[in-house]
Each structure stands twice: as C-alpha cells, then as structure tokens.
C-alpha cells in the first residue's frame, strides 16, 4: 500500500517538534489537548479516553484491532468538536477473518517500529527522501481503492454499529 509523503512529513515534523520541545510531550499525550474536556470527567472515563497503543480483541466489535496511525491527531480534534455531548471517542483499525490476529499484531508491530525509528534523525532524513511530500497513491489508485468504516456506539449497555463502505 503506497504511503502518502504528506503524512510522512507531518509525522516527522511532529517528532522533531517534540524532540526540540520536550516540555510539550505531556500535553501531546493529553487526550483533550485541543480542549473540550468535560468538567465532571470521572477517572473511569479518563481511562477510556486514553490513546489505544496496543493491539487487542473487542468483544463489542467482534474483531481484532490495532491502533489507527492518525488517531493521535484525529481523536483530539473530534473530542474538541464533541465538547458538551458527554460521550467518549476512540479510533482503531479492525481486522476479521482467519488471520485477523496476525494482521492486528503486524499492524501494531510496524507502527511501533516506525515510531521507535523516528527517534533517530538519520532515519527521519532517509524516510523524507524515500517518501517526499507530494508522493503517494496515484489518482488512479485512489479512485480504484476500497475502504470500509465501522461506526460504533455504546450507551446504557446497548451497542449499535453501522458499516460505511466506499
């Protein structure tokens, strides 16, 4: 699957900023760093809002999952947009089928390896040369591509979900 050079550049910029401004790391880890934190947020809900960092199995979704690589940014923006609605939000990539566990583990492992290697300036330079901004999937690949999204909600022990496919 082709990688977007713009996404790579954004990731490199975030890592370099945090390495130069280590005091901002704590704020970066805050799920409400863009605002919108409810004033009455319980400890249980604070735990539920933490970024998902490992692969696992969701009984509700009946699928294996791994962290979604853009969730660290997306979730903060969505939580800010949902301020006052009294609901939780998280993002994961799900996998089903015979090799779902292997796919979830492999996705988590590749993401963790990439994050670890991003610490090294030589790897960031290599990556930015290999996948410069403006590169990535061609228009034809994007138009021919397929995707599926599951939107899930749980309230008062009732679970509902819907599939969106494109």
C-alpha atoms as a PDB file:
ATOM      1  CA  UNK A   1       0.000   0.000   0.000  1.00  0.00           C
ATOM      2  CA  UNK A   2       1.550   3.346  -1.019  1.00  0.00           C
ATOM      3  CA  UNK A   3       2.292   5.818   1.741  1.00  0.00           C
ATOM      4  CA  UNK A   4       1.447   9.498   1.453  1.00  0.00           C
ATOM      5  CA  UNK A   5       4.522  11.722   1.551  1.00  0.00           C
ATOM      6  CA  UNK A   6       2.458  14.442   3.219  1.00  0.00           C
ATOM      7  CA  UNK A   7       1.520  12.116   6.094  1.00  0.00           C
ATOM      8  CA  UNK A   8       5.165  11.103   6.485  1.00  0.00           C
ATOM      9  CA  UNK A   9       6.258  14.765   6.523  1.00  0.00           C
ATOM     10  CA  UNK A  10       3.607  15.601   9.150  1.00  0.00           C
ATOM     11  CA  UNK A  11       4.788  12.726  11.348  1.00  0.00           C
ATOM     12  CA  UNK A  12       8.419  13.788  11.007  1.00  0.00           C
ATOM     13  CA  UNK A  13       7.521  17.398  11.856  1.00  0.00           C
ATOM     14  CA  UNK A  14       5.630  16.292  14.979  1.00  0.00           C
ATOM     15  CA  UNK A  15       8.524  14.119  16.174  1.00  0.00           C
ATOM     16  CA  UNK A  16      11.096  16.856  15.540  1.00  0.00           C
ATOM     17  CA  UNK A  17       8.961  19.455  17.326  1.00  0.00           C
ATOM     18  CA  UNK A  18       8.521  17.225  20.379  1.00  0.00           C
ATOM     19  CA  UNK A  19      12.231  16.392  20.465  1.00  0.00           C
ATOM     20  CA  UNK A  20      13.048  20.120  20.498  1.00  0.00           C
ATOM     21  CA  UNK A  21      10.242  20.964  22.950  1.00  0.00           C
ATOM     22  CA  UNK A  22      10.240  18.059  25.380  1.00  0.00           C
ATOM     23  CA  UNK A  23       8.121  20.006  27.867  1.00  0.00           C
ATOM     24  CA  UNK A  24       5.202  19.715  25.396  1.00  0.00           C
ATOM     25  CA  UNK A  25       5.248  15.892  25.407  1.00  0.00           C
ATOM     26  CA  UNK A  26       2.924  15.724  28.422  1.00  0.00           C
ATOM     27  CA  UNK A  27       0.399  17.995  26.688  1.00  0.00           C
ATOM     28  CA  UNK A  28       0.714  15.962  23.472  1.00  0.00           C
ATOM     29  CA  UNK A  29      -0.304  12.831  25.397  1.00  0.00           C
ATOM     30  CA  UNK A  30      -3.384  14.553  26.862  1.00  0.00           C
ATOM     31  CA  UNK A  31      -6.486  13.266  25.001  1.00  0.00           C
ATOM     32  CA  UNK A  32      -8.067  16.704  25.481  1.00  0.00           C
ATOM     33  CA  UNK A  33      -5.042  18.774  24.411  1.00  0.00           C
ATOM     34  CA  UNK A  34      -7.208  20.652  21.879  1.00  0.00           C
ATOM     35  CA  UNK A  35      -9.821  21.399  24.548  1.00  0.00           C
ATOM     36  CA  UNK A  36     -13.280  20.073  25.258  1.00  0.00           C
ATOM     37  CA  UNK A  37     -12.532  18.168  28.474  1.00  0.00           C
ATOM     38  CA  UNK A  38     -15.750  17.787  30.481  1.00  0.00           C
ATOM     39  CA  UNK A  39     -15.537  19.337  33.937  1.00  0.00           C
ATOM     40  CA  UNK A  40     -17.065  16.242  35.554  1.00  0.00           C
ATOM     41  CA  UNK A  41     -14.850  13.667  33.820  1.00  0.00           C
ATOM     42  CA  UNK A  42     -14.610  10.556  36.026  1.00  0.00           C
ATOM     43  CA  UNK A  43     -11.419   8.541  36.397  1.00  0.00           C
ATOM     44  CA  UNK A  44     -13.114   5.652  34.536  1.00  0.00           C
ATOM     45  CA  UNK A  45     -13.869   7.873  31.532  1.00  0.00           C
ATOM     46  CA  UNK A  46     -10.344   9.345  31.602  1.00  0.00           C
ATOM     47  CA  UNK A  47      -9.001   5.811  31.241  1.00  0.00           C
ATOM     48  CA  UNK A  48     -11.464   5.065  28.411  1.00  0.00           C
ATOM     49  CA  UNK A  49     -10.284   8.159  26.522  1.00  0.00           C
ATOM     50  CA  UNK A  50      -6.591   7.246  26.536  1.00  0.00           C
ATOM     51  CA  UNK A  51      -4.997   6.626  23.168  1.00  0.00           C
ATOM     52  CA  UNK A  52      -5.072   2.976  22.187  1.00  0.00           C
ATOM     53  CA  UNK A  53      -1.463   1.837  21.976  1.00  0.00           C
ATOM     54  CA  UNK A  54      -1.683  -1.957  21.689  1.00  0.00           C
ATOM     55  CA  UNK A  55      -3.478  -4.495  19.565  1.00  0.00           C
ATOM     56  CA  UNK A  56      -6.322  -6.489  21.105  1.00  0.00           C
ATOM     57  CA  UNK A  57      -9.737  -8.040  20.685  1.00  0.00           C
ATOM     58  CA  UNK A  58     -13.016  -6.158  21.013  1.00  0.00           C
ATOM     59  CA  UNK A  59     -15.947  -8.289  22.111  1.00  0.00           C
ATOM     60  CA  UNK A  60     -18.316  -5.465  21.137  1.00  0.00           C
ATOM     61  CA  UNK A  61     -16.966  -5.232  17.575  1.00  0.00           C
ATOM     62  CA  UNK A  62     -16.200  -8.959  17.436  1.00  0.00           C
ATOM     63  CA  UNK A  63     -12.906  -8.120  15.756  1.00  0.00           C
ATOM     64  CA  UNK A  64      -9.202  -7.795  16.438  1.00  0.00           C
ATOM     65  CA  UNK A  65      -7.916  -4.217  16.421  1.00  0.00           C
ATOM     66  CA  UNK A  66      -4.711  -2.213  16.267  1.00  0.00           C
ATOM     67  CA  UNK A  67      -4.088   1.499  16.851  1.00  0.00           C
ATOM     68  CA  UNK A  68      -5.004   3.700  13.891  1.00  0.00           C
ATOM     69  CA  UNK A  69      -1.903   5.670  12.876  1.00  0.00           C
ATOM     70  CA  UNK A  70      -3.715   9.033  12.649  1.00  0.00           C
ATOM     71  CA  UNK A  71      -5.731   8.585  15.849  1.00  0.00           C
ATOM     72  CA  UNK A  72      -3.353  10.677  17.948  1.00  0.00           C
ATOM     73  CA  UNK A  73      -4.396  13.729  15.943  1.00  0.00           C
ATOM     74  CA  UNK A  74      -7.928  12.800  14.879  1.00  0.00           C
ATOM     75  CA  UNK A  75      -9.249  11.908  18.332  1.00  0.00           C
ATOM     76  CA  UNK A  76      -8.229  15.245  19.845  1.00  0.00           C
ATOM     77  CA  UNK A  77      -9.975  17.188  17.094  1.00  0.00           C
ATOM     78  CA  UNK A  78     -13.149  15.080  17.333  1.00  0.00           C
ATOM     79  CA  UNK A  79     -13.226  15.321  21.143  1.00  0.00           C
ATOM     80  CA  UNK A  80     -12.962  19.107  20.873  1.00  0.00           C
ATOM     81  CA  UNK A  81     -15.784  19.148  18.314  1.00  0.00           C
ATOM     82  CA  UNK A  82     -17.957  16.952  20.566  1.00  0.00           C
ATOM     83  CA  UNK A  83     -17.426  19.087  23.678  1.00  0.00           C
ATOM     84  CA  UNK A  84     -20.593  19.113  25.770  1.00  0.00           C
ATOM     85  CA  UNK A  85     -22.102  15.961  24.237  1.00  0.00           C
ATOM     86  CA  UNK A  86     -20.972  13.737  27.134  1.00  0.00           C
ATOM     87  CA  UNK A  87     -19.607  10.896  25.008  1.00  0.00           C
ATOM     88  CA  UNK A  88     -16.289   9.123  24.548  1.00  0.00           C
ATOM     89  CA  UNK A  89     -14.369   8.741  21.295  1.00  0.00           C
ATOM     90  CA  UNK A  90     -11.555   6.498  20.068  1.00  0.00           C
ATOM     91  CA  UNK A  91     -10.254   5.202  16.722  1.00  0.00           C
ATOM     92  CA  UNK A  92      -8.813   1.805  15.823  1.00  0.00           C
ATOM     93  CA  UNK A  93      -8.236  -0.321  12.747  1.00  0.00           C
ATOM     94  CA  UNK A  94     -10.169  -3.607  12.878  1.00  0.00           C
ATOM     95  CA  UNK A  95      -9.406  -6.948  11.290  1.00  0.00           C
ATOM     96  CA  UNK A  96     -11.572 -10.002  10.734  1.00  0.00           C
ATOM     97  CA  UNK A  97     -11.135 -13.369   9.093  1.00  0.00           C
ATOM     98  CA  UNK A  98      -8.721 -16.240   9.605  1.00  0.00           C
ATOM     99  CA  UNK A  99      -5.589 -14.132  10.009  1.00  0.00           C
ATOM    100  CA  UNK A 100      -7.116 -11.223  11.942  1.00  0.00           C
ATOM    101  CA  UNK A 101      -4.877 -11.660  14.985  1.00  0.00           C
ATOM    102  CA  UNK A 102      -1.766 -11.800  12.797  1.00  0.00           C
ATOM    103  CA  UNK A 103      -2.883  -8.707  10.852  1.00  0.00           C
ATOM    104  CA  UNK A 104      -3.613  -6.763  14.055  1.00  0.00           C
ATOM    105  CA  UNK A 105      -0.268  -7.757  15.563  1.00  0.00           C
ATOM    106  CA  UNK A 106       1.607  -6.966  12.328  1.00  0.00           C
ATOM    107  CA  UNK A 107      -0.028  -3.541  12.053  1.00  0.00           C
ATOM    108  CA  UNK A 108       0.768  -2.738  15.689  1.00  0.00           C
ATOM    109  CA  UNK A 109       4.355  -4.009  15.298  1.00  0.00           C
ATOM    110  CA  UNK A 110       5.045  -1.975  12.137  1.00  0.00           C
ATOM    111  CA  UNK A 111       3.612   1.161  13.747  1.00  0.00           C
ATOM    112  CA  UNK A 112       5.625   0.662  16.930  1.00  0.00           C
ATOM    113  CA  UNK A 113       8.801   0.017  14.940  1.00  0.00           C
ATOM    114  CA  UNK A 114       8.230   3.149  12.847  1.00  0.00           C
ATOM    115  CA  UNK A 115       7.648   5.272  15.965  1.00  0.00           C
ATOM    116  CA  UNK A 116      10.815   3.893  17.538  1.00  0.00           C
ATOM    117  CA  UNK A 117      12.932   4.505  14.441  1.00  0.00           C
ATOM    118  CA  UNK A 118      11.594   8.074  14.143  1.00  0.00           C
ATOM    119  CA  UNK A 119      13.678   8.934  17.230  1.00  0.00           C
ATOM    120  CA  UNK A 120      16.784   8.764  15.039  1.00  0.00           C
ATOM    121  CA  UNK A 121      17.480  11.789  12.822  1.00  0.00           C
ATOM    122  CA  UNK A 122      19.193   9.617  10.197  1.00  0.00           C
ATOM    123  CA  UNK A 123      16.017   7.535   9.810  1.00  0.00           C
ATOM    124  CA  UNK A 124      13.852  10.672   9.508  1.00  0.00           C
ATOM    125  CA  UNK A 125      16.168  12.010   6.761  1.00  0.00           C
ATOM    126  CA  UNK A 126      16.081   8.653   4.972  1.00  0.00           C
ATOM    127  CA  UNK A 127      12.296   8.452   5.201  1.00  0.00           C
ATOM    128  CA  UNK A 128      11.783  12.026   3.992  1.00  0.00           C
ATOM    129  CA  UNK A 129      13.974  11.287   0.947  1.00  0.00           C
ATOM    130  CA  UNK A 130      12.251   7.981   0.197  1.00  0.00           C
ATOM    131  CA  UNK A 131       8.707   9.360   0.592  1.00  0.00           C
ATOM    132  CA  UNK A 132       8.809  13.130  -0.047  1.00  0.00           C
ATOM    133  CA  UNK A 133       5.689  15.330   0.192  1.00  0.00           C
ATOM    134  CA  UNK A 134       3.624  15.068  -2.973  1.00  0.00           C
ATOM    135  CA  UNK A 135       4.240  11.340  -3.379  1.00  0.00           C
ATOM    136  CA  UNK A 136       1.817   8.604  -2.540  1.00  0.00           C
ATOM    137  CA  UNK A 137      -1.040   6.791  -4.183  1.00  0.00           C
ATOM    138  CA  UNK A 138      -1.794   7.979  -7.726  1.00  0.00           C
ATOM    139  CA  UNK A 139      -5.219   9.349  -8.619  1.00  0.00           C
ATOM    140  CA  UNK A 140      -5.988   6.039 -10.346  1.00  0.00           C
ATOM    141  CA  UNK A 141      -5.056   4.007  -7.263  1.00  0.00           C
ATOM    142  CA  UNK A 142      -7.124   6.298  -5.044  1.00  0.00           C
ATOM    143  CA  UNK A 143     -10.170   6.075  -7.331  1.00  0.00           C
ATOM    144  CA  UNK A 144      -9.882   2.283  -7.604  1.00  0.00           C
ATOM    145  CA  UNK A 145      -9.289   1.876  -3.865  1.00  0.00           C
ATOM    146  CA  UNK A 146     -11.782   0.401  -1.456  1.00  0.00           C
ATOM    147  CA  UNK A 147     -12.331   1.174   2.190  1.00  0.00           C
ATOM    148  CA  UNK A 148     -14.751   0.266   4.924  1.00  0.00           C
ATOM    149  CA  UNK A 149     -15.502   2.004   8.189  1.00  0.00           C
ATOM    150  CA  UNK A 150     -17.471   0.799  11.187  1.00  0.00           C
ATOM    151  CA  UNK A 151     -19.107   3.455  13.299  1.00  0.00           C
ATOM    152  CA  UNK A 152     -19.937   2.010  16.703  1.00  0.00           C
ATOM    153  CA  UNK A 153     -21.721   3.451  19.712  1.00  0.00           C
ATOM    154  CA  UNK A 154     -22.499   2.109  23.147  1.00  0.00           C
ATOM    155  CA  UNK A 155     -24.851   3.629  25.704  1.00  0.00           C
ATOM    156  CA  UNK A 156     -26.618   2.169  28.731  1.00  0.00           C
ATOM    157  CA  UNK A 157     -25.334  -1.315  27.836  1.00  0.00           C
ATOM    158  CA  UNK A 158     -26.816  -1.051  24.330  1.00  0.00           C
ATOM    159  CA  UNK A 159     -24.395  -1.445  21.425  1.00  0.00           C
ATOM    160  CA  UNK A 160     -25.183  -0.298  17.889  1.00  0.00           C
ATOM    161  CA  UNK A 161     -22.989  -0.012  14.822  1.00  0.00           C
ATOM    162  CA  UNK A 162     -23.180   0.700  11.151  1.00  0.00           C
ATOM    163  CA  UNK A 163     -20.893  -0.035   8.218  1.00  0.00           C
ATOM    164  CA  UNK A 164     -19.884   2.624   5.722  1.00  0.00           C
ATOM    165  CA  UNK A 165     -18.184   1.343   2.580  1.00  0.00           C
ATOM    166  CA  UNK A 166     -16.645   3.276  -0.283  1.00  0.00           C
END
